[in-house]
N, C-alpha and C. Protein backbone atom coordinates (compact mmCIF):
# COMPACT_ATOMS: atom_id res chain seq x y z
N MET A 1 105.14 -177.70 28.78
CA MET A 1 105.25 -176.40 29.52
C MET A 1 106.59 -176.40 30.03
N THR A 2 107.75 -175.13 29.76
CA THR A 2 108.52 -175.20 30.69
C THR A 2 108.87 -174.48 32.21
N ASP A 3 107.78 -174.20 32.28
CA ASP A 3 107.81 -173.31 33.43
C ASP A 3 107.90 -174.26 34.69
N LEU A 4 108.97 -174.01 35.80
CA LEU A 4 108.56 -175.30 36.62
C LEU A 4 108.22 -174.68 37.74
N ALA A 5 107.80 -173.47 38.38
CA ALA A 5 106.83 -173.26 38.92
C ALA A 5 105.80 -173.69 39.10
N ARG A 6 105.58 -174.35 37.53
CA ARG A 6 103.76 -174.64 37.77
C ARG A 6 103.17 -175.95 37.55
N ARG A 7 104.41 -176.90 37.83
CA ARG A 7 104.34 -177.88 37.53
C ARG A 7 104.35 -178.53 39.47
N ARG A 8 104.00 -179.72 39.37
CA ARG A 8 104.05 -180.63 40.56
C ARG A 8 105.38 -180.95 40.91
N SER A 9 105.75 -181.45 41.74
CA SER A 9 106.97 -181.88 42.18
C SER A 9 107.49 -183.50 41.32
N ALA A 10 106.15 -184.07 41.57
CA ALA A 10 106.05 -185.32 40.76
C ALA A 10 106.52 -185.34 39.34
N GLU A 11 106.07 -184.00 38.66
CA GLU A 11 106.52 -183.61 37.11
C GLU A 11 107.86 -182.58 36.51
N VAL A 12 108.12 -182.99 38.10
CA VAL A 12 109.98 -182.46 37.33
C VAL A 12 110.41 -183.66 36.95
N ALA A 13 111.34 -183.44 35.86
CA ALA A 13 112.42 -184.69 35.70
C ALA A 13 113.68 -184.92 35.95
N THR A 14 113.82 -185.66 37.01
CA THR A 14 115.01 -185.70 37.81
C THR A 14 116.01 -185.67 36.31
N GLY A 15 117.13 -185.00 36.15
CA GLY A 15 118.22 -185.05 35.60
C GLY A 15 118.41 -184.11 34.32
N SER A 16 117.22 -183.34 35.10
CA SER A 16 116.56 -182.14 33.64
C SER A 16 117.48 -181.07 33.70
N TRP A 17 117.96 -180.42 32.59
CA TRP A 17 117.87 -178.91 32.62
C TRP A 17 117.40 -177.79 33.64
N LEU A 18 117.81 -177.05 34.02
CA LEU A 18 117.29 -176.02 34.50
C LEU A 18 117.77 -174.67 33.95
N PHE A 19 117.13 -173.57 33.49
CA PHE A 19 117.35 -172.58 33.24
C PHE A 19 116.66 -171.40 34.31
N VAL A 20 117.82 -170.74 34.23
CA VAL A 20 117.59 -169.69 35.75
C VAL A 20 117.52 -168.02 35.11
N PRO A 21 116.76 -167.41 34.64
CA PRO A 21 116.23 -166.31 34.14
C PRO A 21 116.74 -165.09 35.50
N LEU A 22 118.25 -163.99 34.93
CA LEU A 22 118.37 -163.53 36.13
C LEU A 22 118.18 -161.17 35.63
N GLY A 23 117.43 -161.46 36.70
CA GLY A 23 117.24 -159.68 35.71
C GLY A 23 117.33 -158.85 37.21
N SER A 24 116.87 -158.10 36.92
CA SER A 24 116.67 -156.48 38.20
C SER A 24 114.68 -155.25 37.90
N THR A 25 115.40 -154.96 38.89
CA THR A 25 114.19 -154.13 38.63
C THR A 25 114.31 -152.58 38.96
N GLU A 26 114.78 -152.29 37.69
CA GLU A 26 115.60 -150.67 38.04
C GLU A 26 114.46 -149.97 36.16
N GLN A 27 115.24 -148.97 36.95
CA GLN A 27 114.99 -147.76 35.74
C GLN A 27 115.34 -148.34 34.28
N HIS A 28 114.54 -147.66 32.95
CA HIS A 28 114.66 -148.14 31.52
C HIS A 28 114.10 -147.14 30.95
N GLY A 29 114.59 -145.55 31.28
CA GLY A 29 114.12 -144.53 30.65
C GLY A 29 112.75 -144.59 30.55
N PRO A 30 112.26 -143.20 30.73
CA PRO A 30 110.64 -143.07 30.45
C PRO A 30 110.20 -143.81 29.56
N HIS A 31 110.21 -144.98 29.35
CA HIS A 31 109.64 -145.85 27.81
C HIS A 31 108.84 -147.20 27.91
N LEU A 32 110.17 -147.28 29.53
CA LEU A 32 110.28 -148.92 29.23
C LEU A 32 110.38 -149.49 30.96
N PRO A 33 109.27 -150.36 31.03
CA PRO A 33 109.05 -150.96 32.68
C PRO A 33 110.21 -151.33 33.72
N LEU A 34 109.94 -150.69 34.61
CA LEU A 34 111.63 -151.44 35.42
C LEU A 34 111.65 -152.97 35.34
N ALA A 35 111.07 -154.32 34.65
CA ALA A 35 111.02 -155.38 34.59
C ALA A 35 111.21 -155.47 33.44
N THR A 36 112.03 -155.08 32.54
CA THR A 36 112.66 -154.78 31.23
C THR A 36 113.60 -156.02 30.95
N ASP A 37 114.88 -155.80 32.13
CA ASP A 37 115.46 -157.15 32.22
C ASP A 37 115.59 -158.41 32.33
N THR A 38 114.60 -158.22 33.72
CA THR A 38 113.69 -160.05 33.81
C THR A 38 113.27 -160.24 32.55
N LEU A 39 112.09 -159.49 32.29
CA LEU A 39 111.22 -160.29 30.89
C LEU A 39 112.28 -160.59 29.73
N ILE A 40 112.65 -159.83 29.53
CA ILE A 40 113.66 -160.46 28.51
C ILE A 40 114.89 -162.20 28.86
N ALA A 41 114.83 -162.08 29.98
CA ALA A 41 116.02 -162.72 30.06
C ALA A 41 114.86 -164.07 30.87
N THR A 42 114.20 -163.56 30.90
CA THR A 42 112.54 -164.89 30.87
C THR A 42 112.97 -165.58 29.73
N ALA A 43 112.49 -164.22 28.61
CA ALA A 43 112.10 -165.00 27.37
C ALA A 43 113.20 -165.82 27.01
N LEU A 44 114.14 -165.48 27.10
CA LEU A 44 115.27 -166.10 26.21
C LEU A 44 115.73 -167.44 27.25
N ALA A 45 115.74 -167.69 28.44
CA ALA A 45 115.53 -168.46 28.85
C ALA A 45 114.23 -170.08 28.62
N SER A 46 113.70 -169.44 28.25
CA SER A 46 112.58 -170.34 28.13
C SER A 46 112.66 -170.93 26.06
N ALA A 47 113.45 -169.58 25.55
CA ALA A 47 113.87 -170.15 24.66
C ALA A 47 114.47 -171.21 24.22
N MET A 48 115.70 -171.35 25.45
CA MET A 48 116.58 -172.39 25.12
C MET A 48 116.03 -173.53 26.07
N ALA A 49 115.26 -173.63 27.30
CA ALA A 49 115.10 -174.54 27.40
C ALA A 49 113.86 -175.58 26.41
N GLU A 50 113.65 -174.57 25.48
CA GLU A 50 112.13 -175.36 24.43
C GLU A 50 113.65 -175.98 23.72
N ARG A 51 114.49 -175.36 23.12
CA ARG A 51 115.49 -175.69 22.13
C ARG A 51 116.00 -177.67 23.07
N VAL A 52 116.54 -176.86 24.60
CA VAL A 52 116.80 -178.38 24.65
C VAL A 52 116.08 -179.29 24.51
N ILE A 53 115.26 -179.21 24.41
CA ILE A 53 113.36 -180.46 24.54
C ILE A 53 113.70 -180.58 23.50
N GLU A 54 113.80 -179.82 22.46
CA GLU A 54 113.66 -180.69 20.77
C GLU A 54 115.28 -181.41 20.86
N THR A 55 115.82 -181.41 21.30
CA THR A 55 116.57 -182.52 21.67
C THR A 55 116.63 -183.97 21.95
N GLY A 56 115.33 -183.71 22.97
CA GLY A 56 114.84 -184.97 23.57
C GLY A 56 115.14 -184.82 25.07
N ALA A 57 116.03 -184.14 25.63
CA ALA A 57 116.41 -183.73 26.95
C ALA A 57 115.29 -183.07 27.28
N PRO A 58 115.21 -183.03 29.07
CA PRO A 58 114.13 -182.33 29.52
C PRO A 58 114.74 -181.05 29.77
N ALA A 59 114.03 -180.14 30.59
CA ALA A 59 114.18 -178.51 30.78
C ALA A 59 113.87 -178.17 31.59
N THR A 60 113.89 -177.35 32.03
CA THR A 60 112.55 -176.44 32.92
C THR A 60 113.48 -175.07 33.04
N VAL A 61 112.35 -174.02 33.50
CA VAL A 61 112.36 -172.45 33.60
C VAL A 61 112.00 -172.57 35.08
N ALA A 62 113.03 -171.79 35.59
CA ALA A 62 113.16 -171.69 36.69
C ALA A 62 112.44 -170.05 37.12
N PRO A 63 111.50 -169.96 38.16
CA PRO A 63 110.92 -168.54 37.98
C PRO A 63 112.43 -167.41 38.35
N PRO A 64 111.74 -166.95 37.58
CA PRO A 64 113.11 -165.73 37.76
C PRO A 64 113.60 -164.62 38.96
N LEU A 65 114.69 -164.50 39.13
CA LEU A 65 115.60 -163.82 39.93
C LEU A 65 114.91 -162.17 39.55
N PRO A 66 113.98 -161.42 40.30
CA PRO A 66 113.91 -160.29 39.37
C PRO A 66 114.61 -158.92 39.92
N TYR A 67 115.44 -159.34 41.35
CA TYR A 67 116.27 -158.28 41.45
C TYR A 67 117.79 -158.44 41.49
N GLY A 68 118.80 -157.74 41.42
CA GLY A 68 120.49 -157.63 41.20
C GLY A 68 121.10 -156.78 41.69
N ALA A 69 122.30 -156.58 41.17
CA ALA A 69 123.31 -155.46 41.57
C ALA A 69 122.95 -154.02 40.41
N ALA A 70 122.43 -153.30 41.09
CA ALA A 70 121.35 -152.05 39.83
C ALA A 70 121.54 -151.07 40.61
N GLY A 71 122.74 -151.00 41.94
CA GLY A 71 123.06 -149.91 42.38
C GLY A 71 123.21 -148.55 41.28
N GLU A 72 123.98 -148.39 40.72
CA GLU A 72 123.93 -147.10 39.89
C GLU A 72 122.88 -146.92 38.69
N HIS A 73 121.64 -147.27 39.55
CA HIS A 73 120.48 -146.97 38.99
C HIS A 73 119.56 -146.16 40.10
N GLN A 74 120.11 -146.29 41.47
CA GLN A 74 119.46 -146.30 42.28
C GLN A 74 118.75 -144.51 42.84
N SER A 75 119.37 -143.67 41.65
CA SER A 75 118.53 -142.58 41.87
C SER A 75 117.04 -141.99 41.65
N PHE A 76 117.29 -143.31 40.49
CA PHE A 76 115.50 -143.11 39.94
C PHE A 76 114.72 -144.14 40.96
N PRO A 77 113.44 -143.16 41.10
CA PRO A 77 112.46 -144.44 41.64
C PRO A 77 112.00 -145.09 41.27
N GLY A 78 111.80 -146.36 42.25
CA GLY A 78 111.87 -148.07 41.15
C GLY A 78 112.78 -148.67 41.52
N THR A 79 113.74 -148.33 41.83
CA THR A 79 114.74 -148.90 41.30
C THR A 79 115.08 -149.86 42.49
N LEU A 80 115.40 -151.44 42.54
CA LEU A 80 115.46 -152.22 43.82
C LEU A 80 116.58 -152.97 43.97
N SER A 81 117.81 -152.69 44.02
CA SER A 81 119.11 -153.12 43.87
C SER A 81 119.62 -154.20 45.13
N ILE A 82 119.60 -155.69 44.90
CA ILE A 82 119.98 -156.26 46.82
C ILE A 82 121.82 -156.20 46.50
N GLY A 83 122.88 -155.62 46.08
CA GLY A 83 123.85 -155.61 45.79
C GLY A 83 124.65 -156.64 44.89
N HIS A 84 125.85 -156.77 45.07
CA HIS A 84 126.54 -158.03 44.88
C HIS A 84 126.81 -158.78 45.69
N ASP A 85 126.88 -158.73 46.88
CA ASP A 85 127.22 -159.84 48.00
C ASP A 85 126.03 -160.39 48.19
N ALA A 86 125.36 -160.13 47.98
CA ALA A 86 123.99 -161.07 48.45
C ALA A 86 123.71 -161.88 47.18
N LEU A 87 123.76 -160.89 45.98
CA LEU A 87 123.30 -161.47 44.84
C LEU A 87 124.04 -162.85 44.32
N GLN A 88 125.38 -162.61 45.22
CA GLN A 88 126.20 -163.79 44.82
C GLN A 88 125.70 -164.98 45.92
N THR A 89 125.72 -165.03 47.49
CA THR A 89 125.11 -165.72 47.76
C THR A 89 123.83 -166.40 47.40
N VAL A 90 123.03 -166.21 46.77
CA VAL A 90 121.74 -165.92 46.62
C VAL A 90 122.13 -167.19 45.11
N LEU A 91 122.29 -166.05 44.48
CA LEU A 91 122.70 -167.91 43.22
C LEU A 91 123.97 -169.20 43.60
N VAL A 92 124.26 -169.00 44.88
CA VAL A 92 125.66 -170.09 44.76
C VAL A 92 124.82 -170.78 45.71
N GLU A 93 123.42 -170.66 46.70
CA GLU A 93 122.64 -171.54 47.16
C GLU A 93 121.81 -171.90 46.29
N LEU A 94 121.41 -171.61 45.97
CA LEU A 94 120.28 -171.43 44.17
C LEU A 94 120.74 -172.77 43.65
N ALA A 95 122.21 -172.70 42.95
CA ALA A 95 122.84 -173.57 42.12
C ALA A 95 122.74 -174.79 43.12
N ARG A 96 123.19 -174.66 44.05
CA ARG A 96 123.85 -175.85 44.91
C ARG A 96 122.43 -177.03 45.05
N SER A 97 121.15 -176.12 45.85
CA SER A 97 120.37 -177.06 45.94
C SER A 97 119.53 -177.60 44.78
N ALA A 98 119.52 -176.30 43.67
CA ALA A 98 119.35 -177.10 42.25
C ALA A 98 119.77 -178.43 41.32
N ARG A 99 121.21 -178.56 41.94
CA ARG A 99 121.79 -179.52 41.45
C ARG A 99 121.63 -180.96 41.91
N HIS A 100 120.57 -180.90 43.50
CA HIS A 100 120.00 -182.19 43.89
C HIS A 100 119.57 -183.27 43.12
N HIS A 101 118.48 -182.57 41.87
CA HIS A 101 117.48 -182.80 40.91
C HIS A 101 118.07 -182.47 39.63
N HIS A 102 119.04 -182.13 39.65
CA HIS A 102 119.01 -180.80 37.79
C HIS A 102 120.35 -181.64 37.27
N ASP A 103 120.55 -181.72 36.27
CA ASP A 103 121.50 -182.26 35.78
C ASP A 103 122.53 -181.14 35.21
N ALA A 104 122.19 -179.53 34.97
CA ALA A 104 122.74 -178.58 34.74
C ALA A 104 122.20 -177.17 35.30
N VAL A 105 122.68 -176.03 35.72
CA VAL A 105 121.76 -175.03 36.26
C VAL A 105 122.77 -174.03 34.63
N VAL A 106 121.49 -173.58 34.21
CA VAL A 106 122.39 -172.65 33.81
C VAL A 106 121.32 -170.87 33.80
N PHE A 107 122.28 -169.58 34.11
CA PHE A 107 121.71 -168.40 35.06
C PHE A 107 121.47 -167.83 33.38
N VAL A 108 120.79 -167.12 33.13
CA VAL A 108 120.62 -166.36 32.08
C VAL A 108 120.14 -165.13 32.52
N ASN A 109 121.57 -164.38 32.05
CA ASN A 109 121.13 -162.88 32.75
C ASN A 109 121.23 -161.94 32.19
N GLY A 110 119.61 -161.40 32.24
CA GLY A 110 119.11 -160.26 31.40
C GLY A 110 120.19 -158.82 32.00
N HIS A 111 120.63 -158.38 32.99
CA HIS A 111 121.39 -157.23 33.76
C HIS A 111 123.01 -157.08 33.55
N GLY A 112 123.10 -156.01 32.69
CA GLY A 112 124.37 -156.50 33.03
C GLY A 112 125.83 -155.82 34.12
N GLY A 113 124.87 -155.36 34.81
CA GLY A 113 125.54 -155.20 36.20
C GLY A 113 125.63 -156.56 37.54
N ASN A 114 124.68 -157.26 36.99
CA ASN A 114 124.91 -158.52 37.59
C ASN A 114 126.16 -159.44 37.26
N HIS A 115 126.66 -159.08 35.75
CA HIS A 115 127.99 -160.03 35.29
C HIS A 115 128.91 -160.40 35.81
N PRO A 116 129.31 -159.39 36.50
CA PRO A 116 130.34 -159.58 37.28
C PRO A 116 130.33 -160.76 38.22
N THR A 117 130.10 -160.45 38.95
CA THR A 117 128.94 -161.72 40.12
C THR A 117 128.40 -162.76 39.45
N VAL A 118 128.03 -163.30 38.51
CA VAL A 118 127.55 -164.28 37.43
C VAL A 118 128.53 -164.84 37.12
N VAL A 119 129.66 -164.17 36.64
CA VAL A 119 130.80 -164.95 36.67
C VAL A 119 131.65 -165.42 37.41
N GLU A 120 131.53 -164.75 38.70
CA GLU A 120 132.49 -165.44 40.15
C GLU A 120 131.46 -166.80 40.94
N VAL A 121 130.43 -166.33 40.55
CA VAL A 121 129.45 -167.66 40.53
C VAL A 121 129.73 -168.91 40.07
N ALA A 122 129.51 -168.62 38.88
CA ALA A 122 129.96 -170.17 37.87
C ALA A 122 131.30 -170.47 37.87
N ASP A 123 132.53 -169.56 38.57
CA ASP A 123 133.14 -170.02 38.86
C ASP A 123 133.36 -171.19 40.24
N GLN A 124 133.05 -170.19 40.83
CA GLN A 124 133.19 -171.06 41.92
C GLN A 124 132.73 -172.64 42.31
N LEU A 125 130.92 -172.25 41.52
CA LEU A 125 130.47 -173.76 41.36
C LEU A 125 130.75 -174.82 40.54
N THR A 126 131.78 -174.41 39.24
CA THR A 126 132.17 -175.03 38.38
C THR A 126 133.52 -175.76 39.36
N ALA A 127 134.00 -174.36 40.22
CA ALA A 127 135.23 -175.48 41.09
C ALA A 127 135.03 -176.60 42.27
N GLU A 128 133.63 -176.75 42.50
CA GLU A 128 133.25 -177.28 43.24
C GLU A 128 132.55 -178.31 42.74
N GLY A 129 132.48 -178.01 41.44
CA GLY A 129 132.43 -179.61 40.61
C GLY A 129 130.66 -180.14 39.99
N HIS A 130 130.37 -178.60 40.26
CA HIS A 130 128.53 -178.58 39.28
C HIS A 130 128.92 -178.31 37.67
N ARG A 131 127.85 -178.60 37.29
CA ARG A 131 127.56 -178.10 36.46
C ARG A 131 126.82 -176.93 35.94
N VAL A 132 128.00 -175.97 35.47
CA VAL A 132 126.91 -174.33 35.30
C VAL A 132 127.45 -173.74 34.15
N ALA A 133 126.58 -173.24 34.12
CA ALA A 133 126.73 -172.26 32.92
C ALA A 133 126.35 -170.63 32.81
N MET A 134 126.21 -170.17 31.86
CA MET A 134 126.01 -169.08 31.86
C MET A 134 125.39 -167.87 30.56
N ALA A 135 124.58 -167.52 30.53
CA ALA A 135 124.16 -166.90 29.03
C ALA A 135 123.71 -165.62 29.22
N GLY A 136 123.51 -164.97 27.96
CA GLY A 136 122.37 -163.30 28.25
C GLY A 136 122.27 -163.12 26.77
N PRO A 137 121.45 -161.88 27.08
CA PRO A 137 120.62 -161.68 25.53
C PRO A 137 122.04 -160.47 25.75
N SER A 138 122.66 -160.97 24.43
CA SER A 138 123.74 -159.66 24.15
C SER A 138 123.34 -159.78 22.52
N ASP A 139 124.40 -158.64 22.67
CA ASP A 139 124.38 -157.54 20.75
C ASP A 139 125.45 -157.01 20.98
N PRO A 140 126.55 -157.48 20.60
CA PRO A 140 127.75 -156.97 20.10
C PRO A 140 127.45 -155.22 19.80
N ALA A 141 126.77 -154.84 18.33
CA ALA A 141 126.59 -154.45 18.04
C ALA A 141 125.99 -153.22 18.84
N GLY A 142 124.97 -153.63 19.63
CA GLY A 142 123.96 -152.72 20.29
C GLY A 142 124.29 -151.91 21.15
N ASP A 143 123.33 -150.68 21.30
CA ASP A 143 123.63 -150.05 22.69
C ASP A 143 123.51 -150.51 24.38
N ALA A 144 123.90 -149.81 25.04
CA ALA A 144 123.68 -150.28 26.58
C ALA A 144 122.32 -150.42 27.18
N HIS A 145 121.71 -149.55 26.91
CA HIS A 145 120.58 -148.97 28.17
C HIS A 145 119.56 -148.56 27.54
N ALA A 146 117.91 -149.47 27.26
CA ALA A 146 116.94 -148.67 27.36
C ALA A 146 117.30 -148.09 25.94
N GLY A 147 117.70 -148.51 24.84
CA GLY A 147 118.19 -147.69 23.66
C GLY A 147 117.46 -148.88 22.94
N LEU A 148 118.10 -148.72 21.29
CA LEU A 148 117.46 -149.60 20.51
C LEU A 148 117.39 -151.15 20.96
N THR A 149 118.41 -151.79 21.27
CA THR A 149 118.51 -153.04 21.72
C THR A 149 117.39 -153.73 22.38
N GLU A 150 117.08 -152.76 23.68
CA GLU A 150 116.28 -153.10 24.42
C GLU A 150 114.55 -153.03 24.24
N THR A 151 114.97 -151.52 23.74
CA THR A 151 113.84 -151.49 22.77
C THR A 151 112.90 -152.15 22.14
N SER A 152 113.43 -152.50 21.19
CA SER A 152 113.07 -153.43 20.13
C SER A 152 112.91 -154.74 20.45
N LEU A 153 113.79 -155.36 21.54
CA LEU A 153 113.34 -156.50 21.78
C LEU A 153 111.85 -156.69 22.84
N MET A 154 111.97 -155.72 23.64
CA MET A 154 110.51 -155.27 24.31
C MET A 154 110.04 -155.37 23.08
N LEU A 155 109.53 -154.83 22.39
CA LEU A 155 108.78 -154.34 20.80
C LEU A 155 108.37 -155.79 20.89
N HIS A 156 109.40 -156.04 20.33
CA HIS A 156 109.06 -158.33 19.61
C HIS A 156 108.63 -158.86 21.15
N LEU A 157 108.51 -158.50 22.24
CA LEU A 157 108.37 -160.13 23.16
C LEU A 157 106.98 -159.33 24.08
N HIS A 158 106.85 -158.21 24.43
CA HIS A 158 105.99 -157.33 25.17
C HIS A 158 105.51 -155.83 25.28
N PRO A 159 105.20 -155.93 23.34
CA PRO A 159 104.82 -154.19 23.08
C PRO A 159 103.75 -153.85 23.81
N ASP A 160 102.84 -154.21 24.78
CA ASP A 160 101.80 -153.42 25.11
C ASP A 160 102.92 -153.21 26.45
N LEU A 161 103.74 -153.14 26.78
CA LEU A 161 104.57 -152.12 27.89
C LEU A 161 105.67 -151.23 27.69
N VAL A 162 105.48 -151.38 26.69
CA VAL A 162 106.64 -149.77 25.67
C VAL A 162 105.63 -148.57 25.29
N ASP A 163 106.26 -147.26 25.71
CA ASP A 163 105.44 -146.56 25.33
C ASP A 163 106.55 -145.58 24.22
N MET A 164 106.21 -146.15 23.28
CA MET A 164 107.12 -145.00 22.13
C MET A 164 106.74 -143.72 22.19
N GLN A 165 105.71 -143.47 22.52
CA GLN A 165 105.16 -142.20 22.49
C GLN A 165 106.40 -141.34 23.49
N ARG A 166 107.12 -142.05 24.51
CA ARG A 166 107.77 -140.92 25.68
C ARG A 166 108.70 -141.66 25.02
N ALA A 167 109.58 -141.76 24.15
CA ALA A 167 111.01 -142.83 23.67
C ALA A 167 111.67 -141.75 23.44
N GLU A 168 112.86 -141.62 24.00
CA GLU A 168 113.97 -140.28 23.66
C GLU A 168 115.22 -140.51 23.62
N PRO A 169 115.96 -140.30 23.20
CA PRO A 169 117.89 -140.31 22.89
C PRO A 169 118.11 -139.76 24.04
N GLY A 170 119.18 -140.78 24.53
CA GLY A 170 119.83 -140.41 26.11
C GLY A 170 121.38 -140.62 25.25
N ASN A 171 122.39 -140.31 26.86
CA ASN A 171 123.79 -140.57 26.00
C ASN A 171 124.09 -142.05 25.16
N ARG A 172 124.76 -141.31 23.69
CA ARG A 172 124.97 -142.18 22.71
C ARG A 172 126.44 -142.44 22.68
N GLU A 173 127.48 -141.80 23.20
CA GLU A 173 129.22 -142.18 23.68
C GLU A 173 128.82 -143.71 23.91
N PRO A 174 130.33 -144.29 23.60
CA PRO A 174 130.35 -145.47 23.95
C PRO A 174 130.41 -145.48 25.25
N LEU A 175 129.75 -147.35 25.58
CA LEU A 175 130.09 -147.49 27.13
C LEU A 175 131.25 -147.27 27.91
N SER A 176 132.37 -147.54 27.23
CA SER A 176 133.81 -147.60 27.84
C SER A 176 134.06 -145.81 28.05
N ALA A 177 133.62 -144.80 27.53
CA ALA A 177 133.63 -143.82 27.23
C ALA A 177 133.28 -143.52 28.48
N ILE A 178 131.79 -143.88 29.42
CA ILE A 178 131.31 -143.18 30.18
C ILE A 178 131.02 -144.08 31.20
N LEU A 179 131.62 -145.73 31.02
CA LEU A 179 131.60 -146.51 32.57
C LEU A 179 132.28 -145.68 34.14
N PRO A 180 133.79 -144.58 34.14
CA PRO A 180 134.41 -144.54 34.66
C PRO A 180 133.13 -143.55 35.87
N ALA A 181 132.92 -142.29 35.06
CA ALA A 181 131.57 -141.77 35.74
C ALA A 181 130.94 -142.27 36.49
N MET A 182 130.48 -143.22 35.51
CA MET A 182 128.91 -144.32 35.85
C MET A 182 129.14 -144.68 37.30
N ARG A 183 130.29 -145.54 37.44
CA ARG A 183 130.56 -146.23 38.61
C ARG A 183 130.78 -144.79 39.49
N ASP A 184 130.92 -144.20 39.86
CA ASP A 184 131.48 -143.05 40.33
C ASP A 184 129.99 -142.71 41.44
N GLY A 185 129.16 -141.90 40.45
CA GLY A 185 128.25 -141.31 40.22
C GLY A 185 126.53 -142.15 39.72
N GLY A 186 126.92 -143.09 39.40
CA GLY A 186 125.30 -143.46 38.49
C GLY A 186 125.42 -143.47 37.70
N ILE A 187 124.56 -144.01 36.67
CA ILE A 187 123.73 -143.45 35.75
C ILE A 187 123.02 -142.14 34.95
N GLU A 188 122.53 -141.64 36.50
CA GLU A 188 122.14 -140.37 36.19
C GLU A 188 123.11 -139.08 36.21
N VAL A 189 124.20 -139.45 36.39
CA VAL A 189 125.55 -138.37 35.90
C VAL A 189 125.62 -138.25 34.40
N VAL A 190 125.44 -138.86 33.46
CA VAL A 190 126.06 -139.35 32.56
C VAL A 190 124.92 -139.19 31.48
N SER A 191 123.44 -139.77 32.48
CA SER A 191 122.57 -139.41 30.77
C SER A 191 121.52 -138.95 32.24
N PRO A 192 120.62 -138.38 31.97
CA PRO A 192 119.71 -137.53 33.06
C PRO A 192 118.46 -138.58 32.82
N ASN A 193 118.12 -139.12 31.43
CA ASN A 193 117.17 -139.27 31.74
C ASN A 193 116.95 -140.80 31.46
N GLY A 194 118.12 -141.38 31.86
CA GLY A 194 118.65 -142.91 32.08
C GLY A 194 118.53 -143.21 30.95
N VAL A 195 118.26 -143.08 29.90
CA VAL A 195 118.94 -144.23 29.09
C VAL A 195 120.31 -144.20 28.08
N LEU A 196 121.00 -145.22 27.48
CA LEU A 196 122.29 -145.30 26.92
C LEU A 196 122.12 -145.34 25.77
N GLY A 197 121.96 -144.81 25.00
CA GLY A 197 121.54 -145.38 23.71
C GLY A 197 120.58 -143.95 23.21
N ASP A 198 120.05 -145.07 21.69
CA ASP A 198 118.99 -144.40 21.28
C ASP A 198 117.41 -144.92 20.51
N PRO A 199 116.93 -145.03 21.30
CA PRO A 199 115.55 -145.91 21.09
C PRO A 199 114.18 -145.90 19.91
N VAL A 200 114.75 -144.48 19.32
CA VAL A 200 113.41 -144.01 18.58
C VAL A 200 113.42 -144.23 17.69
N GLY A 201 114.10 -145.47 16.65
CA GLY A 201 114.23 -146.37 15.50
C GLY A 201 114.07 -147.95 15.61
N ALA A 202 113.44 -147.78 17.02
CA ALA A 202 113.27 -149.50 17.34
C ALA A 202 112.05 -149.66 16.86
N THR A 203 112.08 -150.92 16.39
CA THR A 203 110.67 -151.89 15.65
C THR A 203 110.73 -153.15 15.96
N ALA A 204 109.88 -153.89 15.91
CA ALA A 204 109.66 -155.26 16.82
C ALA A 204 110.10 -156.22 15.85
N GLU A 205 110.57 -155.89 14.25
CA GLU A 205 110.84 -156.95 13.33
C GLU A 205 112.71 -156.50 13.66
N HIS A 206 112.84 -155.90 13.78
CA HIS A 206 114.55 -156.03 14.38
C HIS A 206 114.49 -156.10 15.83
N GLY A 207 113.31 -156.43 16.57
CA GLY A 207 113.97 -156.86 17.68
C GLY A 207 113.47 -158.71 17.94
N ALA A 208 112.57 -159.18 16.73
CA ALA A 208 112.89 -160.61 16.64
C ALA A 208 113.82 -160.72 16.03
N ARG A 209 114.24 -160.25 15.33
CA ARG A 209 115.39 -160.87 14.52
C ARG A 209 117.25 -160.79 15.89
N LEU A 210 116.50 -159.84 16.20
CA LEU A 210 117.33 -159.41 17.06
C LEU A 210 117.91 -160.67 18.76
N PHE A 211 116.44 -161.23 18.96
CA PHE A 211 116.50 -162.68 19.55
C PHE A 211 116.69 -163.70 18.69
N ARG A 212 116.38 -164.21 17.93
CA ARG A 212 116.65 -165.44 16.81
C ARG A 212 118.24 -165.38 16.96
N GLU A 213 119.06 -164.28 17.21
CA GLU A 213 120.28 -164.13 16.89
C GLU A 213 121.01 -164.75 18.54
N MET A 214 120.64 -164.00 19.04
CA MET A 214 120.41 -163.84 20.66
C MET A 214 119.92 -165.20 21.62
N ILE A 215 119.23 -166.47 20.56
CA ILE A 215 119.08 -167.87 21.00
C ILE A 215 120.17 -168.44 20.20
N GLU A 216 120.82 -168.33 19.10
CA GLU A 216 122.29 -168.64 18.67
C GLU A 216 123.25 -168.61 19.86
N ARG A 217 123.87 -167.67 19.87
CA ARG A 217 124.63 -167.07 20.31
C ARG A 217 124.61 -167.92 21.80
N ALA A 218 123.18 -167.62 22.72
CA ALA A 218 123.31 -168.32 23.89
C ALA A 218 123.54 -169.92 23.47
N ALA A 219 123.29 -170.51 22.90
CA ALA A 219 123.21 -171.64 22.78
C ALA A 219 124.23 -172.63 22.72
N SER A 220 125.43 -171.37 21.60
CA SER A 220 126.86 -171.93 20.91
C SER A 220 127.50 -171.80 22.46
N SER A 221 127.40 -170.32 23.01
CA SER A 221 127.97 -170.41 24.54
C SER A 221 127.76 -171.51 25.37
N ILE A 222 126.75 -171.42 25.80
CA ILE A 222 125.90 -173.05 26.64
C ILE A 222 126.91 -174.18 26.16
N ALA A 223 126.93 -174.40 24.70
CA ALA A 223 127.64 -176.11 24.66
C ALA A 223 128.94 -175.83 25.15
N GLU A 224 129.76 -174.38 24.77
CA GLU A 224 131.28 -174.41 24.61
C GLU A 224 131.25 -174.73 26.60
N GLN A 225 130.33 -174.21 27.59
CA GLN A 225 130.52 -173.78 28.70
C GLN A 225 130.55 -175.27 29.39
N LEU A 226 129.46 -175.98 28.87
CA LEU A 226 129.33 -177.49 29.74
C LEU A 226 130.74 -178.65 29.42
N ALA A 227 131.12 -178.36 27.84
CA ALA A 227 131.94 -179.22 27.63
C ALA A 227 133.17 -179.09 27.71
N ARG A 228 133.47 -177.81 28.12
CA ARG A 228 134.78 -177.63 29.19
C ARG A 228 134.69 -178.15 30.35
């Protein structure tokens, strides 16, 4: 069992790795749940912890942080955002606390809007002498939000939460082309249904393959960061 919250204090191995899933509560189109980013990050964190345990080292997964910097989705009902400043404070203090008992802290970030803050936090904590790394469910060839990538992952991880009958394409332009407008007016100005990409062809099989690839990329990235 890697779930820290279900363990008793005496069962937590001092010196273990702590994986902290970072998500968001935000719209994911008409077909995916608000917790999509949190669920994917938690699944990846659990897979990474199991991988560490297989090497003989102890590892645990912290309860996920389900709120992040998601202001770009604020016009959609259900979105809850705490902004970058609050997120940074929470992550810095959380890691400082965790390092009293854990050898390394790995932030597993499932929401792109959190990324700039997580980078700043990792740099700050590393400068303070903490062993900190960051990873996420990256897909270099994937779409940006609630499209083929995230929908396939959710069909693999949580098919009961996906309503493919409501899946529909959104804005399929490259993220770089629409990012300035999205920063000024939120995602709604570039995609009224909140989707960036096309989820219609998503499958659980594609999601399983993506998830395996994400585990490999995350493991390689974490090892490189901690080696530095």
